[in-house]
Amino acid sequence: MRTLIIVARDSMLSDLEGLLTSNGVTAYTILSNVMGKGVTGRVYGTFLNPDINTIIFAVLPPEQADRAVNALKALHTGRKEASHDDKPVPLKVFSFPCEEHV
Protein backbone atom coordinates (compact mmCIF):
# COMPACT_ATOMS: atom_id res chain seq x y z
CA MET A 1 0.00 0.00 0.00
CA ARG A 2 1.03 3.61 -0.52
CA THR A 3 -0.09 6.75 1.25
CA LEU A 4 -0.69 9.88 -0.80
CA ILE A 5 -0.60 13.28 0.86
CA ILE A 6 -2.04 16.03 -1.31
CA VAL A 7 -1.62 19.61 -0.11
CA ALA A 8 -3.53 22.24 -2.10
CA ARG A 9 -5.53 25.43 -1.86
CA ASP A 10 -9.01 24.84 -0.54
CA SER A 11 -10.37 26.38 -3.76
CA MET A 12 -9.03 23.32 -5.65
CA LEU A 13 -10.86 20.77 -3.49
CA SER A 14 -13.76 20.00 -5.84
CA ASP A 15 -11.34 19.55 -8.78
CA LEU A 16 -9.16 17.25 -6.68
CA GLU A 17 -12.10 15.15 -5.49
CA GLY A 18 -13.34 14.81 -9.07
CA LEU A 19 -9.88 13.79 -10.25
CA LEU A 20 -9.56 11.20 -7.48
CA THR A 21 -13.03 9.80 -8.17
CA SER A 22 -12.36 9.56 -11.90
CA ASN A 23 -9.21 7.58 -11.10
CA GLY A 24 -11.00 5.07 -8.88
CA VAL A 25 -10.08 6.59 -5.51
CA THR A 26 -13.21 6.25 -3.37
CA ALA A 27 -11.78 6.49 0.15
CA TYR A 28 -9.72 9.37 1.52
CA THR A 29 -9.54 11.79 4.43
CA ILE A 30 -9.74 15.57 4.07
CA LEU A 31 -8.26 18.00 6.56
CA SER A 32 -9.69 21.49 6.05
CA ASN A 33 -8.60 24.94 7.19
CA VAL A 34 -4.91 24.07 7.09
CA MET A 35 -2.48 26.94 7.53
CA GLY A 36 1.26 27.01 6.97
CA LYS A 37 4.09 28.27 4.83
CA GLY A 38 5.61 26.86 1.66
CA VAL A 39 6.80 27.73 -1.81
CA THR A 40 3.62 29.70 -2.55
CA GLY A 41 4.05 31.78 0.62
CA ARG A 42 2.30 31.98 3.98
CA VAL A 43 -1.31 30.78 4.19
CA TYR A 44 -3.11 32.60 7.00
CA GLY A 45 -6.84 32.18 6.38
CA THR A 46 -7.53 35.73 7.57
CA PHE A 47 -9.62 38.57 6.16
CA LEU A 48 -6.59 40.25 4.59
CA ASN A 49 -4.97 36.95 3.51
CA PRO A 50 -7.92 34.63 2.90
CA ASP A 51 -6.06 31.71 1.29
CA ILE A 52 -6.39 28.43 3.15
CA ASN A 53 -5.10 24.95 2.37
CA THR A 54 -6.61 21.48 2.41
CA ILE A 55 -4.79 18.20 2.89
CA ILE A 56 -6.07 14.94 1.45
CA PHE A 57 -4.77 11.59 2.71
CA ALA A 58 -5.39 8.44 0.67
CA VAL A 59 -4.05 4.91 1.22
CA LEU A 60 -4.04 3.01 -2.06
CA PRO A 61 -2.69 -0.06 -3.80
CA PRO A 62 0.49 0.86 -5.74
CA GLU A 63 -1.12 0.74 -9.20
CA GLN A 64 -4.00 2.98 -8.14
CA ALA A 65 -1.59 5.37 -6.41
CA ASP A 66 0.45 5.60 -9.62
CA ARG A 67 -2.70 6.44 -11.64
CA ALA A 68 -3.70 9.12 -9.15
CA VAL A 69 -0.20 10.63 -9.05
CA ASN A 70 -0.05 10.77 -12.86
CA ALA A 71 -3.44 12.51 -12.96
CA LEU A 72 -2.34 14.97 -10.25
CA LYS A 73 0.86 15.70 -12.21
CA ALA A 74 -1.24 16.42 -15.30
CA LEU A 75 -3.48 18.76 -13.28
CA HIS A 76 -0.40 20.56 -11.93
CA THR A 77 1.07 20.92 -15.42
CA GLY A 78 -2.22 22.24 -16.79
CA ARG A 79 -2.52 24.81 -14.01
CA LYS A 80 1.11 25.88 -14.52
CA GLU A 81 0.63 26.35 -18.27
CA ALA A 82 -2.63 28.26 -17.75
CA SER A 83 -1.11 30.69 -15.23
CA HIS A 84 1.13 32.50 -17.79
CA ASP A 85 3.58 33.52 -15.06
CA ASP A 86 6.22 31.97 -12.84
CA LYS A 87 4.08 31.76 -9.70
CA PRO A 88 4.15 28.27 -8.15
CA VAL A 89 0.97 26.21 -8.36
CA PRO A 90 -0.45 25.69 -4.83
CA LEU A 91 -0.43 21.90 -5.17
CA LYS A 92 2.03 19.41 -3.69
CA VAL A 93 1.79 15.62 -3.78
CA PHE A 94 3.82 13.26 -1.59
CA SER A 95 3.75 9.48 -1.30
CA PHE A 96 5.32 6.83 0.86
CA PRO A 97 4.88 3.12 1.54
CA CYS A 98 2.59 2.14 4.41
CA GLU A 99 1.16 -0.88 6.17
CA GLU A 100 -2.29 -1.37 7.66
CA HIS A 101 -2.05 -2.83 11.17
CA VAL A 102 -5.65 -2.79 12.39
PDB file of N, CA and C in Angstrom:
ATOM      1  N   MET A   1       0.850  -1.179   0.000  1.00  0.00           N
ATOM      2  CA  MET A   1       0.000   0.000   0.000  1.00  0.00           C
ATOM      3  C   MET A   1       0.896   1.243   0.000  1.00  0.00           C
ATOM      4  N   ARG A   2       0.327   2.333  -0.522  1.00  0.00           N
ATOM      5  CA  ARG A   2       1.025   3.613  -0.516  1.00  0.00           C
ATOM      6  C   ARG A   2       0.099   4.690   0.010  1.00  0.00           C
ATOM      7  N   THR A   3       0.662   5.601   0.769  1.00  0.00           N
ATOM      8  CA  THR A   3      -0.086   6.754   1.253  1.00  0.00           C
ATOM      9  C   THR A   3       0.214   7.943   0.364  1.00  0.00           C
ATOM     10  N   LEU A   4      -0.832   8.619  -0.087  1.00  0.00           N
ATOM     11  CA  LEU A   4      -0.687   9.881  -0.800  1.00  0.00           C
ATOM     12  C   LEU A   4      -1.065  11.004   0.150  1.00  0.00           C
ATOM     13  N   ILE A   5      -0.278  12.048   0.149  1.00  0.00           N
ATOM     14  CA  ILE A   5      -0.605  13.279   0.860  1.00  0.00           C
ATOM     15  C   ILE A   5      -0.659  14.374  -0.192  1.00  0.00           C
ATOM     16  N   ILE A   6      -1.823  14.972  -0.325  1.00  0.00           N
ATOM     17  CA  ILE A   6      -2.041  16.025  -1.311  1.00  0.00           C
ATOM     18  C   ILE A   6      -2.301  17.320  -0.544  1.00  0.00           C
ATOM     19  N   VAL A   7      -1.462  18.317  -0.759  1.00  0.00           N
ATOM     20  CA  VAL A   7      -1.621  19.613  -0.109  1.00  0.00           C
ATOM     21  C   VAL A   7      -1.954  20.613  -1.205  1.00  0.00           C
ATOM     22  N   ALA A   8      -3.081  21.310  -1.053  1.00  0.00           N
ATOM     23  CA  ALA A   8      -3.525  22.236  -2.098  1.00  0.00           C
ATOM     24  C   ALA A   8      -4.376  23.336  -1.495  1.00  0.00           C
ATOM     25  N   ARG A   9      -4.603  24.386  -2.283  1.00  0.00           N
ATOM     26  CA  ARG A   9      -5.527  25.432  -1.862  1.00  0.00           C
ATOM     27  C   ARG A   9      -6.920  24.834  -1.749  1.00  0.00           C
ATOM     28  N   ASP A  10      -7.648  25.297  -0.779  1.00  0.00           N
ATOM     29  CA  ASP A  10      -9.012  24.836  -0.543  1.00  0.00           C
ATOM     30  C   ASP A  10      -9.883  25.049  -1.786  1.00  0.00           C
ATOM     31  N   SER A  11      -9.582  26.087  -2.550  1.00  0.00           N
ATOM     32  CA  SER A  11     -10.370  26.376  -3.757  1.00  0.00           C
ATOM     33  C   SER A  11     -10.235  25.280  -4.811  1.00  0.00           C
ATOM     34  N   MET A  12      -9.244  24.408  -4.704  1.00  0.00           N
ATOM     35  CA  MET A  12      -9.028  23.319  -5.654  1.00  0.00           C
ATOM     36  C   MET A  12      -9.717  22.023  -5.222  1.00  0.00           C
ATOM     37  N   LEU A  13     -10.348  22.012  -4.064  1.00  0.00           N
ATOM     38  CA  LEU A  13     -10.861  20.768  -3.485  1.00  0.00           C
ATOM     39  C   LEU A  13     -11.831  20.027  -4.404  1.00  0.00           C
ATOM     40  N   SER A  14     -12.794  20.711  -4.995  1.00  0.00           N
ATOM     41  CA  SER A  14     -13.755  19.999  -5.840  1.00  0.00           C
ATOM     42  C   SER A  14     -13.062  19.401  -7.062  1.00  0.00           C
ATOM     43  N   ASP A  15     -12.099  20.103  -7.648  1.00  0.00           N
ATOM     44  CA  ASP A  15     -11.343  19.548  -8.779  1.00  0.00           C
ATOM     45  C   ASP A  15     -10.554  18.316  -8.349  1.00  0.00           C
ATOM     46  N   LEU A  16      -9.950  18.380  -7.176  1.00  0.00           N
ATOM     47  CA  LEU A  16      -9.160  17.251  -6.683  1.00  0.00           C
ATOM     48  C   LEU A  16     -10.045  16.039  -6.391  1.00  0.00           C
ATOM     49  N   GLU A  17     -11.195  16.269  -5.760  1.00  0.00           N
ATOM     50  CA  GLU A  17     -12.097  15.152  -5.488  1.00  0.00           C
ATOM     51  C   GLU A  17     -12.603  14.528  -6.787  1.00  0.00           C
ATOM     52  N   GLY A  18     -12.915  15.339  -7.781  1.00  0.00           N
ATOM     53  CA  GLY A  18     -13.337  14.814  -9.070  1.00  0.00           C
ATOM     54  C   GLY A  18     -12.242  14.007  -9.739  1.00  0.00           C
ATOM     55  N   LEU A  19     -11.019  14.498  -9.668  1.00  0.00           N
ATOM     56  CA  LEU A  19      -9.882  13.787 -10.246  1.00  0.00           C
ATOM     57  C   LEU A  19      -9.668  12.446  -9.550  1.00  0.00           C
ATOM     58  N   LEU A  20      -9.731  12.449  -8.216  1.00  0.00           N
ATOM     59  CA  LEU A  20      -9.556  11.196  -7.476  1.00  0.00           C
ATOM     60  C   LEU A  20     -10.657  10.199  -7.829  1.00  0.00           C
ATOM     61  N   THR A  21     -11.894  10.669  -7.848  1.00  0.00           N
ATOM     62  CA  THR A  21     -13.026   9.795  -8.170  1.00  0.00           C
ATOM     63  C   THR A  21     -12.884   9.211  -9.571  1.00  0.00           C
ATOM     64  N   SER A  22     -12.498  10.042 -10.526  1.00  0.00           N
ATOM     65  CA  SER A  22     -12.364   9.559 -11.903  1.00  0.00           C
ATOM     66  C   SER A  22     -11.200   8.582 -12.065  1.00  0.00           C
ATOM     67  N   ASN A  23     -10.314   8.533 -11.079  1.00  0.00           N
ATOM     68  CA  ASN A  23      -9.205   7.585 -11.105  1.00  0.00           C
ATOM     69  C   ASN A  23      -9.405   6.441 -10.115  1.00  0.00           C
ATOM     70  N   GLY A  24     -10.658   6.224  -9.706  1.00  0.00           N
ATOM     71  CA  GLY A  24     -11.000   5.072  -8.882  1.00  0.00           C
ATOM     72  C   GLY A  24     -10.702   5.195  -7.403  1.00  0.00           C
ATOM     73  N   VAL A  25     -10.355   6.393  -6.938  1.00  0.00           N
ATOM     74  CA  VAL A  25     -10.080   6.589  -5.513  1.00  0.00           C
ATOM     75  C   VAL A  25     -11.394   6.950  -4.833  1.00  0.00           C
ATOM     76  N   THR A  26     -11.890   6.048  -3.998  1.00  0.00           N
ATOM     77  CA  THR A  26     -13.205   6.253  -3.374  1.00  0.00           C
ATOM     78  C   THR A  26     -13.122   6.474  -1.868  1.00  0.00           C
ATOM     79  N   ALA A  27     -11.933   6.313  -1.293  1.00  0.00           N
ATOM     80  CA  ALA A  27     -11.783   6.494   0.150  1.00  0.00           C
ATOM     81  C   ALA A  27     -10.570   7.381   0.419  1.00  0.00           C
ATOM     82  N   TYR A  28     -10.799   8.442   1.163  1.00  0.00           N
ATOM     83  CA  TYR A  28      -9.723   9.366   1.520  1.00  0.00           C
ATOM     84  C   TYR A  28     -10.181  10.209   2.701  1.00  0.00           C
ATOM     85  N   THR A  29      -9.251  10.910   3.299  1.00  0.00           N
ATOM     86  CA  THR A  29      -9.542  11.791   4.427  1.00  0.00           C
ATOM     87  C   THR A  29      -9.146  13.205   4.040  1.00  0.00           C
ATOM     88  N   ILE A  30     -10.010  14.169   4.370  1.00  0.00           N
ATOM     89  CA  ILE A  30      -9.743  15.573   4.068  1.00  0.00           C
ATOM     90  C   ILE A  30      -9.566  16.336   5.382  1.00  0.00           C
ATOM     91  N   LEU A  31      -8.479  17.065   5.462  1.00  0.00           N
ATOM     92  CA  LEU A  31      -8.263  18.002   6.559  1.00  0.00           C
ATOM     93  C   LEU A  31      -8.452  19.402   5.994  1.00  0.00           C
ATOM     94  N   SER A  32      -9.384  20.148   6.548  1.00  0.00           N
ATOM     95  CA  SER A  32      -9.685  21.491   6.052  1.00  0.00           C
ATOM     96  C   SER A  32      -9.084  22.554   6.954  1.00  0.00           C
ATOM     97  N   ASN A  33      -9.085  23.778   6.447  1.00  0.00           N
ATOM     98  CA  ASN A  33      -8.600  24.939   7.194  1.00  0.00           C
ATOM     99  C   ASN A  33      -7.165  24.756   7.675  1.00  0.00           C
ATOM    100  N   VAL A  34      -6.303  24.321   6.760  1.00  0.00           N
ATOM    101  CA  VAL A  34      -4.906  24.073   7.086  1.00  0.00           C
ATOM    102  C   VAL A  34      -4.095  25.323   6.759  1.00  0.00           C
ATOM    103  N   MET A  35      -3.332  25.773   7.723  1.00  0.00           N
ATOM    104  CA  MET A  35      -2.479  26.940   7.527  1.00  0.00           C
ATOM    105  C   MET A  35      -1.021  26.505   7.543  1.00  0.00           C
ATOM    106  N   GLY A  36      -0.159  27.328   6.971  1.00  0.00           N
ATOM    107  CA  GLY A  36       1.260  27.011   6.966  1.00  0.00           C
ATOM    108  C   GLY A  36       2.015  27.910   6.021  1.00  0.00           C
ATOM    109  N   LYS A  37       3.231  27.492   5.702  1.00  0.00           N
ATOM    110  CA  LYS A  37       4.088  28.271   4.826  1.00  0.00           C
ATOM    111  C   LYS A  37       4.842  27.330   3.909  1.00  0.00           C
ATOM    112  N   GLY A  38       4.900  27.684   2.641  1.00  0.00           N
ATOM    113  CA  GLY A  38       5.606  26.858   1.664  1.00  0.00           C
ATOM    114  C   GLY A  38       6.064  27.692   0.491  1.00  0.00           C
ATOM    115  N   VAL A  39       6.267  27.042  -0.645  1.00  0.00           N
ATOM    116  CA  VAL A  39       6.798  27.735  -1.814  1.00  0.00           C
ATOM    117  C   VAL A  39       5.848  28.800  -2.352  1.00  0.00           C
ATOM    118  N   THR A  40       4.569  28.684  -2.076  1.00  0.00           N
ATOM    119  CA  THR A  40       3.618  29.699  -2.546  1.00  0.00           C
ATOM    120  C   THR A  40       3.426  30.811  -1.520  1.00  0.00           C
ATOM    121  N   GLY A  41       4.135  30.742  -0.405  1.00  0.00           N
ATOM    122  CA  GLY A  41       4.047  31.776   0.619  1.00  0.00           C
ATOM    123  C   GLY A  41       3.280  31.312   1.842  1.00  0.00           C
ATOM    124  N   ARG A  42       3.005  32.246   2.725  1.00  0.00           N
ATOM    125  CA  ARG A  42       2.303  31.979   3.977  1.00  0.00           C
ATOM    126  C   ARG A  42       0.809  31.915   3.715  1.00  0.00           C
ATOM    127  N   VAL A  43       0.142  30.944   4.308  1.00  0.00           N
ATOM    128  CA  VAL A  43      -1.307  30.785   4.193  1.00  0.00           C
ATOM    129  C   VAL A  43      -1.900  31.039   5.574  1.00  0.00           C
ATOM    130  N   TYR A  44      -2.612  32.157   5.702  1.00  0.00           N
ATOM    131  CA  TYR A  44      -3.112  32.595   7.003  1.00  0.00           C
ATOM    132  C   TYR A  44      -4.593  32.297   7.245  1.00  0.00           C
ATOM    133  N   GLY A  45      -5.403  32.361   6.198  1.00  0.00           N
ATOM    134  CA  GLY A  45      -6.842  32.185   6.379  1.00  0.00           C
ATOM    135  C   GLY A  45      -7.491  33.342   7.109  1.00  0.00           C
ATOM    136  N   THR A  46      -6.970  34.558   6.908  1.00  0.00           N
ATOM    137  CA  THR A  46      -7.529  35.733   7.572  1.00  0.00           C
ATOM    138  C   THR A  46      -8.263  36.605   6.557  1.00  0.00           C
ATOM    139  N   PHE A  47      -8.891  37.650   7.044  1.00  0.00           N
ATOM    140  CA  PHE A  47      -9.617  38.565   6.159  1.00  0.00           C
ATOM    141  C   PHE A  47      -8.697  39.176   5.109  1.00  0.00           C
ATOM    142  N   LEU A  48      -7.516  39.621   5.526  1.00  0.00           N
ATOM    143  CA  LEU A  48      -6.588  40.253   4.593  1.00  0.00           C
ATOM    144  C   LEU A  48      -5.821  39.242   3.740  1.00  0.00           C
ATOM    145  N   ASN A  49      -5.655  38.035   4.239  1.00  0.00           N
ATOM    146  CA  ASN A  49      -4.973  36.955   3.515  1.00  0.00           C
ATOM    147  C   ASN A  49      -5.856  35.709   3.579  1.00  0.00           C
ATOM    148  N   PRO A  50      -6.897  35.654   2.738  1.00  0.00           N
ATOM    149  CA  PRO A  50      -7.920  34.629   2.901  1.00  0.00           C
ATOM    150  C   PRO A  50      -7.555  33.222   2.414  1.00  0.00           C
ATOM    151  N   ASP A  51      -6.407  33.056   1.765  1.00  0.00           N
ATOM    152  CA  ASP A  51      -6.059  31.708   1.286  1.00  0.00           C
ATOM    153  C   ASP A  51      -5.990  30.720   2.435  1.00  0.00           C
ATOM    154  N   ILE A  52      -6.435  29.516   2.165  1.00  0.00           N
ATOM    155  CA  ILE A  52      -6.395  28.428   3.150  1.00  0.00           C
ATOM    156  C   ILE A  52      -6.107  27.137   2.376  1.00  0.00           C
ATOM    157  N   ASN A  53      -5.447  26.208   3.015  1.00  0.00           N
ATOM    158  CA  ASN A  53      -5.104  24.948   2.368  1.00  0.00           C
ATOM    159  C   ASN A  53      -5.981  23.811   2.849  1.00  0.00           C
ATOM    160  N   THR A  54      -5.951  22.738   2.093  1.00  0.00           N
ATOM    161  CA  THR A  54      -6.611  21.483   2.408  1.00  0.00           C
ATOM    162  C   THR A  54      -5.577  20.380   2.221  1.00  0.00           C
ATOM    163  N   ILE A  55      -5.639  19.367   3.059  1.00  0.00           N
ATOM    164  CA  ILE A  55      -4.786  18.198   2.893  1.00  0.00           C
ATOM    165  C   ILE A  55      -5.690  16.988   2.706  1.00  0.00           C
ATOM    166  N   ILE A  56      -5.351  16.182   1.707  1.00  0.00           N
ATOM    167  CA  ILE A  56      -6.074  14.938   1.446  1.00  0.00           C
ATOM    168  C   ILE A  56      -5.110  13.783   1.651  1.00  0.00           C
ATOM    169  N   PHE A  57      -5.514  12.828   2.490  1.00  0.00           N
ATOM    170  CA  PHE A  57      -4.766  11.591   2.705  1.00  0.00           C
ATOM    171  C   PHE A  57      -5.521  10.465   2.007  1.00  0.00           C
ATOM    172  N   ALA A  58      -4.785   9.623   1.281  1.00  0.00           N
ATOM    173  CA  ALA A  58      -5.393   8.436   0.672  1.00  0.00           C
ATOM    174  C   ALA A  58      -4.402   7.288   0.769  1.00  0.00           C
ATOM    175  N   VAL A  59      -4.874   6.119   1.174  1.00  0.00           N
ATOM    176  CA  VAL A  59      -4.053   4.909   1.222  1.00  0.00           C
ATOM    177  C   VAL A  59      -4.549   4.001   0.110  1.00  0.00           C
ATOM    178  N   LEU A  60      -3.645   3.679  -0.823  1.00  0.00           N
ATOM    179  CA  LEU A  60      -4.042   3.012  -2.058  1.00  0.00           C
ATOM    180  C   LEU A  60      -3.088   1.885  -2.429  1.00  0.00           C
ATOM    181  N   PRO A  61      -3.590   0.918  -3.201  1.00  0.00           N
ATOM    182  CA  PRO A  61      -2.685  -0.062  -3.799  1.00  0.00           C
ATOM    183  C   PRO A  61      -1.720   0.672  -4.739  1.00  0.00           C
ATOM    184  N   PRO A  62      -0.517   0.147  -4.929  1.00  0.00           N
ATOM    185  CA  PRO A  62       0.486   0.858  -5.736  1.00  0.00           C
ATOM    186  C   PRO A  62       0.024   1.278  -7.135  1.00  0.00           C
ATOM    187  N   GLU A  63      -0.684   0.402  -7.843  1.00  0.00           N
ATOM    188  CA  GLU A  63      -1.119   0.738  -9.201  1.00  0.00           C
ATOM    189  C   GLU A  63      -2.103   1.910  -9.199  1.00  0.00           C
ATOM    190  N   GLN A  64      -3.017   1.901  -8.238  1.00  0.00           N
ATOM    191  CA  GLN A  64      -3.999   2.980  -8.138  1.00  0.00           C
ATOM    192  C   GLN A  64      -3.314   4.279  -7.722  1.00  0.00           C
ATOM    193  N   ALA A  65      -2.349   4.185  -6.821  1.00  0.00           N
ATOM    194  CA  ALA A  65      -1.587   5.370  -6.408  1.00  0.00           C
ATOM    195  C   ALA A  65      -0.852   5.965  -7.605  1.00  0.00           C
ATOM    196  N   ASP A  66      -0.257   5.123  -8.427  1.00  0.00           N
ATOM    197  CA  ASP A  66       0.448   5.604  -9.619  1.00  0.00           C
ATOM    198  C   ASP A  66      -0.500   6.333 -10.565  1.00  0.00           C
ATOM    199  N   ARG A  67      -1.702   5.779 -10.788  1.00  0.00           N
ATOM    200  CA  ARG A  67      -2.696   6.437 -11.643  1.00  0.00           C
ATOM    201  C   ARG A  67      -3.072   7.802 -11.077  1.00  0.00           C
ATOM    202  N   ALA A  68      -3.311   7.851  -9.782  1.00  0.00           N
ATOM    203  CA  ALA A  68      -3.701   9.115  -9.148  1.00  0.00           C
ATOM    204  C   ALA A  68      -2.571  10.137  -9.234  1.00  0.00           C
ATOM    205  N   VAL A  69      -1.346   9.714  -8.979  1.00  0.00           N
ATOM    206  CA  VAL A  69      -0.199  10.631  -9.047  1.00  0.00           C
ATOM    207  C   VAL A  69      -0.032  11.168 -10.467  1.00  0.00           C
ATOM    208  N   ASN A  70      -0.167  10.312 -11.470  1.00  0.00           N
ATOM    209  CA  ASN A  70      -0.050  10.773 -12.858  1.00  0.00           C
ATOM    210  C   ASN A  70      -1.134  11.789 -13.195  1.00  0.00           C
ATOM    211  N   ALA A  71      -2.348  11.565 -12.724  1.00  0.00           N
ATOM    212  CA  ALA A  71      -3.441  12.507 -12.964  1.00  0.00           C
ATOM    213  C   ALA A  71      -3.189  13.828 -12.230  1.00  0.00           C
ATOM    214  N   LEU A  72      -2.661  13.758 -11.014  1.00  0.00           N
ATOM    215  CA  LEU A  72      -2.341  14.969 -10.254  1.00  0.00           C
ATOM    216  C   LEU A  72      -1.206  15.740 -10.915  1.00  0.00           C
ATOM    217  N   LYS A  73      -0.226  15.039 -11.473  1.00  0.00           N
ATOM    218  CA  LYS A  73       0.858  15.704 -12.210  1.00  0.00           C
ATOM    219  C   LYS A  73       0.298  16.430 -13.432  1.00  0.00           C
ATOM    220  N   ALA A  74      -0.628  15.792 -14.131  1.00  0.00           N
ATOM    221  CA  ALA A  74      -1.244  16.421 -15.303  1.00  0.00           C
ATOM    222  C   ALA A  74      -2.033  17.669 -14.900  1.00  0.00           C
ATOM    223  N   LEU A  75      -2.752  17.596 -13.787  1.00  0.00           N
ATOM    224  CA  LEU A  75      -3.479  18.764 -13.278  1.00  0.00           C
ATOM    225  C   LEU A  75      -2.501  19.895 -12.966  1.00  0.00           C
ATOM    226  N   HIS A  76      -1.413  19.563 -12.279  1.00  0.00           N
ATOM    227  CA  HIS A  76      -0.396  20.557 -11.926  1.00  0.00           C
ATOM    228  C   HIS A  76       0.176  21.211 -13.189  1.00  0.00           C
ATOM    229  N   THR A  77       0.519  20.409 -14.173  1.00  0.00           N
ATOM    230  CA  THR A  77       1.075  20.924 -15.421  1.00  0.00           C
ATOM    231  C   THR A  77       0.073  21.836 -16.124  1.00  0.00           C
ATOM    232  N   GLY A  78      -1.184  21.417 -16.163  1.00  0.00           N
ATOM    233  CA  GLY A  78      -2.222  22.236 -16.785  1.00  0.00           C
ATOM    234  C   GLY A  78      -2.402  23.574 -16.089  1.00  0.00           C
ATOM    235  N   ARG A  79      -2.381  23.556 -14.771  1.00  0.00           N
ATOM    236  CA  ARG A  79      -2.518  24.813 -14.014  1.00  0.00           C
ATOM    237  C   ARG A  79      -1.305  25.718 -14.239  1.00  0.00           C
ATOM    238  N   LYS A  80      -0.119  25.115 -14.309  1.00  0.00           N
ATOM    239  CA  LYS A  80       1.111  25.879 -14.521  1.00  0.00           C
ATOM    240  C   LYS A  80       1.083  26.547 -15.893  1.00  0.00           C
ATOM    241  N   GLU A  81       0.690  25.797 -16.911  1.00  0.00           N
ATOM    242  CA  GLU A  81       0.631  26.350 -18.268  1.00  0.00           C
ATOM    243  C   GLU A  81      -0.439  27.426 -18.393  1.00  0.00           C
ATOM    244  N   ALA A  82      -1.538  27.291 -17.684  1.00  0.00           N
ATOM    245  CA  ALA A  82      -2.631  28.261 -17.753  1.00  0.00           C
ATOM    246  C   ALA A  82      -2.330  29.548 -16.997  1.00  0.00           C
ATOM    247  N   SER A  83      -1.357  29.525 -16.082  1.00  0.00           N
ATOM    248  CA  SER A  83      -1.106  30.692 -15.232  1.00  0.00           C
ATOM    249  C   SER A  83      -0.365  31.808 -15.959  1.00  0.00           C
ATOM    250  N   HIS A  84       0.395  31.508 -17.005  1.00  0.00           N
ATOM    251  CA  HIS A  84       1.126  32.504 -17.789  1.00  0.00           C
ATOM    252  C   HIS A  84       2.096  33.346 -16.962  1.00  0.00           C
ATOM    253  N   ASP A  85       2.547  32.835 -15.842  1.00  0.00           N
ATOM    254  CA  ASP A  85       3.581  33.517 -15.062  1.00  0.00           C
ATOM    255  C   ASP A  85       4.408  32.464 -14.332  1.00  0.00           C
ATOM    256  N   ASP A  86       5.332  32.913 -13.529  1.00  0.00           N
ATOM    257  CA  ASP A  86       6.222  31.970 -12.840  1.00  0.00           C
ATOM    258  C   ASP A  86       5.782  31.661 -11.414  1.00  0.00           C
ATOM    259  N   LYS A  87       4.558  32.047 -11.050  1.00  0.00           N
ATOM    260  CA  LYS A  87       4.085  31.756  -9.699  1.00  0.00           C
ATOM    261  C   LYS A  87       3.907  30.251  -9.525  1.00  0.00           C
ATOM    262  N   PRO A  88       4.336  29.710  -8.387  1.00  0.00           N
ATOM    263  CA  PRO A  88       4.151  28.271  -8.153  1.00  0.00           C
ATOM    264  C   PRO A  88       2.669  27.908  -8.044  1.00  0.00           C
ATOM    265  N   VAL A  89       2.336  26.719  -8.486  1.00  0.00           N
ATOM    266  CA  VAL A  89       0.973  26.208  -8.365  1.00  0.00           C
ATOM    267  C   VAL A  89       0.804  25.707  -6.926  1.00  0.00           C
ATOM    268  N   PRO A  90      -0.272  26.100  -6.236  1.00  0.00           N
ATOM    269  CA  PRO A  90      -0.455  25.686  -4.835  1.00  0.00           C
ATOM    270  C   PRO A  90      -0.940  24.237  -4.721  1.00  0.00           C
ATOM    271  N   LEU A  91      -0.113  23.319  -5.198  1.00  0.00           N
ATOM    272  CA  LEU A  91      -0.434  21.896  -5.167  1.00  0.00           C
ATOM    273  C   LEU A  91       0.849  21.108  -4.990  1.00  0.00           C
ATOM    274  N   LYS A  92       0.906  20.302  -3.943  1.00  0.00           N
ATOM    275  CA  LYS A  92       2.033  19.406  -3.695  1.00  0.00           C
ATOM    276  C   LYS A  92       1.480  18.009  -3.461  1.00  0.00           C
ATOM    277  N   VAL A  93       2.201  17.016  -3.950  1.00  0.00           N
ATOM    278  CA  VAL A  93       1.790  15.621  -3.783  1.00  0.00           C
ATOM    279  C   VAL A  93       2.993  14.839  -3.279  1.00  0.00           C
ATOM    280  N   PHE A  94       2.779  14.093  -2.200  1.00  0.00           N
ATOM    281  CA  PHE A  94       3.821  13.265  -1.593  1.00  0.00           C
ATOM    282  C   PHE A  94       3.284  11.851  -1.481  1.00  0.00           C
ATOM    283  N   SER A  95       4.182  10.858  -1.514  1.00  0.00           N
ATOM    284  CA  SER A  95       3.748   9.479  -1.303  1.00  0.00           C
ATOM    285  C   SER A  95       4.827   8.728  -0.547  1.00  0.00           C
ATOM    286  N   PHE A  96       4.388   7.707   0.157  1.00  0.00           N
ATOM    287  CA  PHE A  96       5.325   6.833   0.862  1.00  0.00           C
ATOM    288  C   PHE A  96       4.643   5.491   1.112  1.00  0.00           C
ATOM    289  N   PRO A  97       5.458   4.431   1.266  1.00  0.00           N
ATOM    290  CA  PRO A  97       4.878   3.120   1.541  1.00  0.00           C
ATOM    291  C   PRO A  97       4.238   3.095   2.937  1.00  0.00           C
ATOM    292  N   CYS A  98       3.215   2.273   3.100  1.00  0.00           N
ATOM    293  CA  CYS A  98       2.589   2.144   4.412  1.00  0.00           C
ATOM    294  C   CYS A  98       2.029   0.745   4.584  1.00  0.00           C
ATOM    295  N   GLU A  99       1.778   0.390   5.814  1.00  0.00           N
ATOM    296  CA  GLU A  99       1.162  -0.879   6.167  1.00  0.00           C
ATOM    297  C   GLU A  99      -0.070  -0.645   7.019  1.00  0.00           C
ATOM    298  N   GLU A 100      -1.090  -1.436   6.818  1.00  0.00           N
ATOM    299  CA  GLU A 100      -2.287  -1.369   7.657  1.00  0.00           C
ATOM    300  C   GLU A 100      -2.110  -2.396   8.779  1.00  0.00           C
ATOM    301  N   HIS A 101      -2.257  -1.948  10.022  1.00  0.00           N
ATOM    302  CA  HIS A 101      -2.053  -2.829  11.168  1.00  0.00           C
ATOM    303  C   HIS A 101      -3.346  -3.238  11.862  1.00  0.00           C
ATOM    304  N   VAL A 102      -4.371  -2.470  11.749  1.00  0.00           N
ATOM    305  CA  VAL A 102      -5.649  -2.791  12.394  1.00  0.00           C
ATOM    306  C   VAL A 102      -6.764  -2.598  11.397  1.00  0.00           C
TER     307      VAL A 102
END
